[in-house]
Protein backbone atom coordinates (compact mmCIF):
# COMPACT_ATOMS: atom_id res chain seq x y z
CA MET A 1 -8.26 -136.69 22.13
CA VAL A 2 -4.60 -137.63 21.28
CA ALA A 3 -4.83 -140.93 23.00
CA LEU A 4 -7.52 -141.86 20.77
CA PHE A 5 -5.96 -140.75 17.78
CA ALA A 6 -2.73 -142.64 18.64
CA ARG A 7 -4.77 -145.69 19.27
CA GLY A 8 -6.15 -145.39 15.61
CA ALA A 9 -10.05 -145.05 16.59
CA THR A 10 -10.21 -142.64 13.61
CA LEU A 11 -8.91 -144.99 11.02
CA ARG A 12 -12.08 -146.72 10.24
CA PRO A 13 -14.42 -143.77 9.65
CA CYS A 14 -11.60 -141.13 8.31
CA LEU A 15 -9.74 -143.27 5.96
CA PRO A 16 -12.53 -143.38 3.49
CA VAL A 17 -13.08 -139.53 3.61
CA ALA A 18 -9.26 -139.16 3.17
CA ALA A 19 -9.35 -141.66 0.17
CA VAL A 20 -12.01 -139.85 -1.72
CA VAL A 21 -10.94 -136.20 -1.15
CA GLY A 22 -7.36 -137.14 -1.49
CA CYS A 23 -8.66 -138.57 -4.99
CA VAL A 24 -10.38 -135.51 -5.77
CA LEU A 25 -7.61 -133.10 -4.78
CA SER A 26 -5.17 -135.03 -6.48
CA ALA A 27 -6.65 -135.00 -9.85
CA ILE A 28 -7.59 -131.16 -9.56
CA ASN A 29 -4.25 -129.96 -8.52
CA GLU A 30 -1.83 -132.53 -10.17
CA GLY A 31 -3.82 -134.33 -12.75
CA ALA A 32 -2.49 -132.48 -15.51
CA ARG A 33 1.00 -133.27 -14.61
CA ILE A 34 0.59 -136.78 -13.99
CA ALA A 35 -1.30 -137.29 -17.46
CA SER A 36 1.48 -135.62 -19.20
CA GLY A 37 4.31 -137.65 -17.59
CA HIS A 38 6.25 -134.81 -16.16
CA THR A 39 6.10 -135.84 -12.62
CA ALA A 40 9.07 -135.89 -9.94
CA TRP A 41 9.38 -136.53 -6.17
CA PRO A 42 7.76 -133.18 -5.39
CA THR A 43 4.57 -134.08 -7.46
CA TRP A 44 4.35 -137.42 -5.13
CA VAL A 45 4.97 -135.74 -2.25
CA GLN A 46 1.88 -133.33 -3.10
CA VAL A 47 -0.24 -136.15 -3.63
CA GLY A 48 0.55 -137.48 -0.40
CA LEU A 49 -0.55 -134.49 1.26
CA ASN A 50 -3.80 -134.61 -0.75
CA PHE A 51 -4.29 -137.57 1.14
CA VAL A 52 -2.86 -136.58 4.65
CA VAL A 53 -4.50 -133.48 5.07
CA PRO A 54 -8.40 -134.71 4.58
CA PHE A 55 -7.35 -137.55 7.31
CA LEU A 56 -6.15 -134.98 9.86
CA VAL A 57 -9.20 -132.88 9.35
CA SER A 58 -11.49 -135.49 9.34
CA SER A 59 -9.99 -137.10 12.38
CA TYR A 60 -10.07 -133.74 14.44
CA GLY A 61 -13.89 -133.41 13.62
CA TYR A 62 -14.58 -137.10 14.50
CA LEU A 63 -12.57 -136.69 17.57
CA THR A 64 -13.93 -133.33 18.60
CA ALA A 65 -17.41 -134.76 18.14
CA GLN A 66 -16.96 -138.00 20.01
CA THR A 67 -15.21 -135.74 22.88
CA GLN A 68 -18.19 -133.46 23.09
CA ALA A 69 -20.74 -136.57 22.92
CA VAL A 70 -18.92 -137.95 26.00
CA ASP A 71 -19.03 -134.48 27.91
CA GLN A 72 -22.67 -134.22 27.31
CA GLN A 73 -23.19 -137.85 28.89
CA ARG A 74 -21.63 -136.99 32.44
CA PRO A 75 -23.68 -135.55 34.76
CA ALA A 76 -23.64 -131.84 35.83
CA GLY A 77 -22.42 -130.93 39.27
CA PRO A 78 -19.48 -131.40 41.35
CA PRO A 79 -17.42 -134.50 40.63
CA PRO A 80 -17.70 -137.32 43.22
């Protein structure tokens, strides 16, 4: 699973999820502060995390589903 993540297997399916969810979370959590112009570097760190966390969660879900699909395709019984 880690090798797939390191090779970037989750970028294409998970970046759109992170973009949408990150924008929504940023609007909810930091929107008023950004709109009022009262931002500092911690605000932008929080905004960044609003994108990183959904990317990691969707990557985990994607990789778990891929791993289970591969496991189900393997024949049952002792290995050759």
